[in-house]
Amino acid sequence: MRQGQIHSVDYLLENRRQLRQNLTSAEARLWQALRGSKLAGRKFRRQHSIEDYIVDFYCPTEKLIIELDGLMHNQTSINLNDQERDARLKQLEFIVLRFDNSAIIKDLGKVLATISCHFRKV
């Protein structure tokens, strides 16, 4: 990682590619709704790295991170890891939103509305 560089660090490139090629069904569904600046004209990236973390979705103009959680995130060790990760990202002044995969499947419209609520007014 170059001094001061926190985005798209080189050593995570292959991991990011693998994750983009193997999206969960919830990630694929949300990506279809976000890609191409479909949500209020905001550009999103998927499987973007920030420091040592790979986030599911990232909107650079809003400094907004969206994480989708499956059942494994209910495990204590993973949940604690998520909390530490979120705390570090918030320390870097990012907004972190987490949604269960089931929320994407059950009510994508509500998820998109929640995301939109975090956009600054332009």
N, C-alpha and C. Protein backbone atom coordinates (compact mmCIF):
# COMPACT_ATOMS: atom_id res chain seq x y z
N MET A 1 0.86 -1.17 0.00
CA MET A 1 0.00 0.00 0.00
C MET A 1 0.90 1.23 0.00
N ARG A 2 0.70 2.11 -0.96
CA ARG A 2 1.45 3.36 -1.00
C ARG A 2 1.06 4.24 0.17
N GLN A 3 2.02 5.05 0.61
CA GLN A 3 1.76 5.97 1.72
C GLN A 3 0.50 6.80 1.44
N GLY A 4 -0.46 6.76 2.33
CA GLY A 4 -1.67 7.56 2.19
C GLY A 4 -2.76 6.92 1.33
N GLN A 5 -2.43 5.87 0.58
CA GLN A 5 -3.44 5.22 -0.26
C GLN A 5 -4.28 4.27 0.59
N ILE A 6 -5.58 4.48 0.58
CA ILE A 6 -6.45 3.56 1.33
C ILE A 6 -7.44 2.85 0.42
N HIS A 7 -7.62 3.34 -0.83
CA HIS A 7 -8.58 2.74 -1.75
C HIS A 7 -7.89 1.85 -2.77
N SER A 8 -8.56 0.75 -3.12
CA SER A 8 -8.12 -0.15 -4.19
C SER A 8 -6.66 -0.54 -4.06
N VAL A 9 -6.30 -1.01 -2.90
CA VAL A 9 -4.92 -1.42 -2.68
C VAL A 9 -4.59 -2.65 -3.53
N ASP A 10 -3.39 -2.65 -4.08
CA ASP A 10 -2.99 -3.66 -5.07
C ASP A 10 -3.05 -5.09 -4.55
N TYR A 11 -2.63 -5.31 -3.31
CA TYR A 11 -2.54 -6.69 -2.83
C TYR A 11 -3.90 -7.36 -2.66
N LEU A 12 -4.99 -6.59 -2.72
CA LEU A 12 -6.34 -7.17 -2.62
C LEU A 12 -7.02 -7.32 -3.98
N LEU A 13 -6.34 -6.96 -5.05
CA LEU A 13 -6.93 -6.98 -6.39
C LEU A 13 -7.52 -8.34 -6.76
N GLU A 14 -6.77 -9.40 -6.58
CA GLU A 14 -7.26 -10.73 -6.96
C GLU A 14 -8.44 -11.15 -6.09
N ASN A 15 -8.40 -10.84 -4.81
CA ASN A 15 -9.54 -11.14 -3.92
C ASN A 15 -10.79 -10.41 -4.39
N ARG A 16 -10.64 -9.14 -4.76
CA ARG A 16 -11.79 -8.35 -5.23
C ARG A 16 -12.36 -8.96 -6.50
N ARG A 17 -11.49 -9.36 -7.41
CA ARG A 17 -11.96 -9.99 -8.67
C ARG A 17 -12.76 -11.25 -8.38
N GLN A 18 -12.22 -12.08 -7.49
CA GLN A 18 -12.91 -13.33 -7.14
C GLN A 18 -14.29 -13.05 -6.54
N LEU A 19 -14.36 -12.08 -5.66
CA LEU A 19 -15.65 -11.74 -5.04
C LEU A 19 -16.64 -11.20 -6.06
N ARG A 20 -16.16 -10.39 -7.01
CA ARG A 20 -17.06 -9.85 -8.06
C ARG A 20 -17.59 -10.96 -8.96
N GLN A 21 -16.78 -11.98 -9.16
CA GLN A 21 -17.20 -13.10 -10.02
C GLN A 21 -18.10 -14.09 -9.30
N ASN A 22 -18.18 -13.98 -7.99
CA ASN A 22 -18.96 -14.94 -7.20
C ASN A 22 -19.93 -14.24 -6.25
N LEU A 23 -20.73 -13.34 -6.79
CA LEU A 23 -21.70 -12.62 -5.98
C LEU A 23 -22.76 -13.56 -5.43
N THR A 24 -23.23 -13.28 -4.23
CA THR A 24 -24.38 -14.00 -3.71
C THR A 24 -25.62 -13.52 -4.48
N SER A 25 -26.72 -14.22 -4.36
CA SER A 25 -27.93 -13.78 -5.06
C SER A 25 -28.39 -12.41 -4.56
N ALA A 26 -28.24 -12.15 -3.27
CA ALA A 26 -28.62 -10.83 -2.72
C ALA A 26 -27.71 -9.73 -3.28
N GLU A 27 -26.40 -10.00 -3.33
CA GLU A 27 -25.47 -9.02 -3.88
C GLU A 27 -25.78 -8.73 -5.35
N ALA A 28 -26.06 -9.79 -6.11
CA ALA A 28 -26.37 -9.61 -7.54
C ALA A 28 -27.65 -8.79 -7.71
N ARG A 29 -28.63 -9.04 -6.89
CA ARG A 29 -29.89 -8.30 -6.98
C ARG A 29 -29.70 -6.82 -6.63
N LEU A 30 -28.96 -6.55 -5.57
CA LEU A 30 -28.72 -5.16 -5.20
C LEU A 30 -27.85 -4.48 -6.25
N TRP A 31 -26.87 -5.18 -6.79
CA TRP A 31 -26.00 -4.60 -7.81
C TRP A 31 -26.81 -4.19 -9.04
N GLN A 32 -27.78 -4.98 -9.43
CA GLN A 32 -28.62 -4.63 -10.57
C GLN A 32 -29.37 -3.32 -10.33
N ALA A 33 -29.72 -3.06 -9.07
CA ALA A 33 -30.44 -1.83 -8.74
C ALA A 33 -29.51 -0.62 -8.60
N LEU A 34 -28.23 -0.86 -8.33
CA LEU A 34 -27.28 0.23 -8.10
C LEU A 34 -26.42 0.57 -9.32
N ARG A 35 -26.10 -0.43 -10.13
CA ARG A 35 -25.14 -0.23 -11.22
C ARG A 35 -25.64 0.80 -12.22
N GLY A 36 -24.68 1.41 -12.89
CA GLY A 36 -25.03 2.39 -13.92
C GLY A 36 -25.66 3.65 -13.36
N SER A 37 -25.36 3.97 -12.12
CA SER A 37 -25.89 5.19 -11.47
C SER A 37 -27.41 5.22 -11.45
N LYS A 38 -28.05 4.05 -11.31
CA LYS A 38 -29.51 3.97 -11.33
C LYS A 38 -30.18 4.57 -10.10
N LEU A 39 -29.49 4.59 -8.98
CA LEU A 39 -30.11 5.10 -7.75
C LEU A 39 -29.72 6.56 -7.56
N ALA A 40 -30.62 7.45 -7.89
CA ALA A 40 -30.45 8.90 -7.71
C ALA A 40 -29.17 9.42 -8.35
N GLY A 41 -28.75 8.78 -9.43
CA GLY A 41 -27.56 9.24 -10.16
C GLY A 41 -26.24 8.99 -9.44
N ARG A 42 -26.25 8.21 -8.37
CA ARG A 42 -25.03 7.95 -7.62
C ARG A 42 -24.30 6.73 -8.19
N LYS A 43 -23.00 6.88 -8.37
CA LYS A 43 -22.16 5.79 -8.86
C LYS A 43 -21.73 4.92 -7.68
N PHE A 44 -21.87 3.63 -7.85
CA PHE A 44 -21.43 2.66 -6.85
C PHE A 44 -20.38 1.74 -7.46
N ARG A 45 -19.50 1.27 -6.61
CA ARG A 45 -18.53 0.24 -6.97
C ARG A 45 -18.85 -0.98 -6.14
N ARG A 46 -18.56 -2.14 -6.68
CA ARG A 46 -18.78 -3.36 -5.89
C ARG A 46 -17.43 -3.99 -5.57
N GLN A 47 -17.37 -4.63 -4.42
CA GLN A 47 -16.16 -5.28 -3.93
C GLN A 47 -14.96 -4.33 -4.03
N HIS A 48 -15.09 -3.22 -3.36
CA HIS A 48 -14.08 -2.15 -3.35
C HIS A 48 -13.25 -2.28 -2.07
N SER A 49 -11.95 -2.06 -2.18
CA SER A 49 -11.12 -2.16 -0.98
C SER A 49 -10.82 -0.79 -0.38
N ILE A 50 -10.86 -0.76 0.93
CA ILE A 50 -10.51 0.40 1.73
C ILE A 50 -9.61 -0.13 2.85
N GLU A 51 -8.37 0.35 2.87
CA GLU A 51 -7.35 -0.20 3.75
C GLU A 51 -7.31 -1.71 3.54
N ASP A 52 -7.41 -2.50 4.61
CA ASP A 52 -7.33 -3.97 4.49
C ASP A 52 -8.69 -4.63 4.30
N TYR A 53 -9.73 -3.83 4.12
CA TYR A 53 -11.09 -4.35 4.04
C TYR A 53 -11.60 -4.32 2.61
N ILE A 54 -12.40 -5.32 2.26
CA ILE A 54 -13.12 -5.31 1.00
C ILE A 54 -14.59 -5.13 1.35
N VAL A 55 -15.17 -4.03 0.89
CA VAL A 55 -16.57 -3.74 1.19
C VAL A 55 -17.43 -4.19 0.02
N ASP A 56 -18.67 -4.56 0.31
CA ASP A 56 -19.55 -5.07 -0.75
C ASP A 56 -19.85 -4.00 -1.79
N PHE A 57 -20.30 -2.83 -1.36
CA PHE A 57 -20.63 -1.74 -2.27
C PHE A 57 -20.14 -0.42 -1.68
N TYR A 58 -19.69 0.48 -2.57
CA TYR A 58 -19.15 1.75 -2.11
C TYR A 58 -19.56 2.85 -3.06
N CYS A 59 -20.08 3.95 -2.51
CA CYS A 59 -20.45 5.15 -3.26
C CYS A 59 -19.45 6.24 -2.88
N PRO A 60 -18.49 6.55 -3.77
CA PRO A 60 -17.45 7.52 -3.43
C PRO A 60 -17.97 8.92 -3.13
N THR A 61 -18.95 9.40 -3.87
CA THR A 61 -19.42 10.78 -3.65
C THR A 61 -20.07 10.95 -2.28
N GLU A 62 -20.62 9.89 -1.75
CA GLU A 62 -21.31 9.94 -0.45
C GLU A 62 -20.47 9.37 0.69
N LYS A 63 -19.31 8.78 0.35
CA LYS A 63 -18.50 8.05 1.34
C LYS A 63 -19.38 7.02 2.07
N LEU A 64 -20.20 6.34 1.29
CA LEU A 64 -21.21 5.41 1.80
C LEU A 64 -20.82 3.97 1.45
N ILE A 65 -20.80 3.13 2.45
CA ILE A 65 -20.49 1.71 2.30
C ILE A 65 -21.74 0.92 2.62
N ILE A 66 -22.03 -0.06 1.77
CA ILE A 66 -23.17 -0.95 2.01
C ILE A 66 -22.63 -2.37 2.14
N GLU A 67 -22.97 -3.00 3.25
CA GLU A 67 -22.57 -4.38 3.51
C GLU A 67 -23.80 -5.26 3.59
N LEU A 68 -23.74 -6.41 2.93
CA LEU A 68 -24.82 -7.39 3.00
C LEU A 68 -24.35 -8.56 3.85
N ASP A 69 -25.19 -8.97 4.78
CA ASP A 69 -24.82 -10.01 5.74
C ASP A 69 -25.71 -11.23 5.59
N GLY A 70 -25.07 -12.37 5.46
CA GLY A 70 -25.77 -13.65 5.47
C GLY A 70 -25.82 -14.20 6.89
N LEU A 71 -26.28 -15.43 7.01
CA LEU A 71 -26.44 -16.04 8.33
C LEU A 71 -25.14 -16.16 9.10
N MET A 72 -24.01 -16.31 8.40
CA MET A 72 -22.74 -16.49 9.10
C MET A 72 -22.36 -15.25 9.92
N HIS A 73 -22.93 -14.11 9.60
CA HIS A 73 -22.62 -12.89 10.35
C HIS A 73 -23.27 -12.89 11.73
N ASN A 74 -24.11 -13.88 12.00
CA ASN A 74 -24.70 -14.02 13.34
C ASN A 74 -23.74 -14.72 14.31
N GLN A 75 -22.68 -15.34 13.78
CA GLN A 75 -21.69 -16.00 14.63
C GLN A 75 -20.92 -14.93 15.41
N THR A 76 -20.68 -15.20 16.67
CA THR A 76 -20.07 -14.22 17.56
C THR A 76 -18.75 -13.68 17.03
N SER A 77 -17.86 -14.55 16.59
CA SER A 77 -16.53 -14.09 16.14
C SER A 77 -16.64 -13.21 14.90
N ILE A 78 -17.51 -13.57 13.98
CA ILE A 78 -17.68 -12.77 12.76
C ILE A 78 -18.37 -11.46 13.09
N ASN A 79 -19.34 -11.51 13.98
CA ASN A 79 -20.04 -10.29 14.37
C ASN A 79 -19.09 -9.30 15.05
N LEU A 80 -18.21 -9.80 15.89
CA LEU A 80 -17.22 -8.93 16.54
C LEU A 80 -16.27 -8.34 15.51
N ASN A 81 -15.88 -9.15 14.54
CA ASN A 81 -15.02 -8.67 13.46
C ASN A 81 -15.72 -7.56 12.68
N ASP A 82 -17.01 -7.75 12.39
CA ASP A 82 -17.79 -6.74 11.67
C ASP A 82 -17.84 -5.43 12.47
N GLN A 83 -18.01 -5.55 13.77
CA GLN A 83 -18.08 -4.35 14.62
C GLN A 83 -16.76 -3.59 14.61
N GLU A 84 -15.65 -4.31 14.69
CA GLU A 84 -14.33 -3.67 14.64
C GLU A 84 -14.10 -2.99 13.30
N ARG A 85 -14.47 -3.69 12.25
CA ARG A 85 -14.32 -3.18 10.89
C ARG A 85 -15.16 -1.91 10.70
N ASP A 86 -16.43 -1.97 11.12
CA ASP A 86 -17.32 -0.80 11.00
C ASP A 86 -16.78 0.38 11.80
N ALA A 87 -16.25 0.11 12.98
CA ALA A 87 -15.70 1.18 13.81
C ALA A 87 -14.52 1.85 13.10
N ARG A 88 -13.65 1.05 12.49
CA ARG A 88 -12.51 1.62 11.77
C ARG A 88 -12.98 2.44 10.57
N LEU A 89 -13.93 1.93 9.81
CA LEU A 89 -14.42 2.65 8.63
C LEU A 89 -15.11 3.95 9.05
N LYS A 90 -15.83 3.92 10.15
CA LYS A 90 -16.47 5.15 10.65
C LYS A 90 -15.42 6.14 11.12
N GLN A 91 -14.34 5.64 11.70
CA GLN A 91 -13.23 6.49 12.12
C GLN A 91 -12.63 7.22 10.90
N LEU A 92 -12.67 6.56 9.74
CA LEU A 92 -12.19 7.16 8.50
C LEU A 92 -13.26 8.03 7.84
N GLU A 93 -14.38 8.23 8.55
CA GLU A 93 -15.49 9.10 8.14
C GLU A 93 -16.33 8.53 6.99
N PHE A 94 -16.44 7.21 6.96
CA PHE A 94 -17.36 6.57 6.04
C PHE A 94 -18.67 6.29 6.77
N ILE A 95 -19.76 6.26 6.03
CA ILE A 95 -21.05 5.84 6.56
C ILE A 95 -21.18 4.36 6.19
N VAL A 96 -21.49 3.53 7.16
CA VAL A 96 -21.62 2.09 6.91
C VAL A 96 -23.06 1.66 7.17
N LEU A 97 -23.69 1.10 6.14
CA LEU A 97 -25.03 0.54 6.27
C LEU A 97 -24.94 -0.97 6.12
N ARG A 98 -25.60 -1.69 6.98
CA ARG A 98 -25.63 -3.16 6.90
C ARG A 98 -27.07 -3.63 6.71
N PHE A 99 -27.23 -4.57 5.81
CA PHE A 99 -28.53 -5.18 5.56
C PHE A 99 -28.37 -6.69 5.54
N ASP A 100 -29.35 -7.40 6.07
CA ASP A 100 -29.38 -8.85 5.93
C ASP A 100 -29.72 -9.19 4.48
N ASN A 101 -29.15 -10.27 4.00
CA ASN A 101 -29.47 -10.72 2.65
C ASN A 101 -30.97 -10.86 2.46
N SER A 102 -31.66 -11.32 3.49
CA SER A 102 -33.11 -11.53 3.38
C SER A 102 -33.84 -10.22 3.11
N ALA A 103 -33.34 -9.09 3.59
CA ALA A 103 -33.99 -7.80 3.35
C ALA A 103 -33.95 -7.45 1.86
N ILE A 104 -32.87 -7.81 1.20
CA ILE A 104 -32.74 -7.54 -0.24
C ILE A 104 -33.76 -8.36 -1.01
N ILE A 105 -33.93 -9.59 -0.61
CA ILE A 105 -34.86 -10.49 -1.30
C ILE A 105 -36.31 -10.11 -1.00
N LYS A 106 -36.61 -9.81 0.26
CA LYS A 106 -38.00 -9.54 0.67
C LYS A 106 -38.51 -8.16 0.25
N ASP A 107 -37.67 -7.12 0.39
CA ASP A 107 -38.16 -5.77 0.13
C ASP A 107 -37.02 -4.86 -0.36
N LEU A 108 -36.60 -5.08 -1.58
CA LEU A 108 -35.52 -4.31 -2.17
C LEU A 108 -35.85 -2.82 -2.19
N GLY A 109 -37.10 -2.48 -2.45
CA GLY A 109 -37.51 -1.08 -2.49
C GLY A 109 -37.24 -0.36 -1.18
N LYS A 110 -37.53 -1.02 -0.07
CA LYS A 110 -37.29 -0.43 1.25
C LYS A 110 -35.79 -0.24 1.48
N VAL A 111 -34.98 -1.21 1.07
CA VAL A 111 -33.53 -1.10 1.20
C VAL A 111 -33.01 0.08 0.39
N LEU A 112 -33.48 0.22 -0.84
CA LEU A 112 -33.04 1.33 -1.68
C LEU A 112 -33.46 2.67 -1.10
N ALA A 113 -34.65 2.73 -0.52
CA ALA A 113 -35.11 3.97 0.12
C ALA A 113 -34.22 4.31 1.31
N THR A 114 -33.85 3.31 2.09
CA THR A 114 -32.96 3.54 3.23
C THR A 114 -31.60 4.05 2.77
N ILE A 115 -31.07 3.46 1.71
CA ILE A 115 -29.80 3.92 1.16
C ILE A 115 -29.92 5.37 0.70
N SER A 116 -30.98 5.67 -0.02
CA SER A 116 -31.20 7.03 -0.54
C SER A 116 -31.29 8.07 0.56
N CYS A 117 -31.82 7.69 1.71
CA CYS A 117 -31.94 8.62 2.84
C CYS A 117 -30.58 9.11 3.32
N HIS A 118 -29.54 8.38 3.00
CA HIS A 118 -28.19 8.76 3.43
C HIS A 118 -27.45 9.60 2.39
N PHE A 119 -28.11 9.92 1.28
CA PHE A 119 -27.50 10.79 0.27
C PHE A 119 -27.63 12.24 0.70
N ARG A 120 -26.56 12.99 0.48
CA ARG A 120 -26.64 14.42 0.72
C ARG A 120 -27.51 15.03 -0.37
N LYS A 121 -28.18 16.10 -0.03
CA LYS A 121 -29.03 16.77 -1.02
C LYS A 121 -28.12 17.51 -2.00
N VAL A 122 -28.41 17.36 -3.29
CA VAL A 122 -27.59 17.99 -4.31
C VAL A 122 -28.28 19.21 -4.87
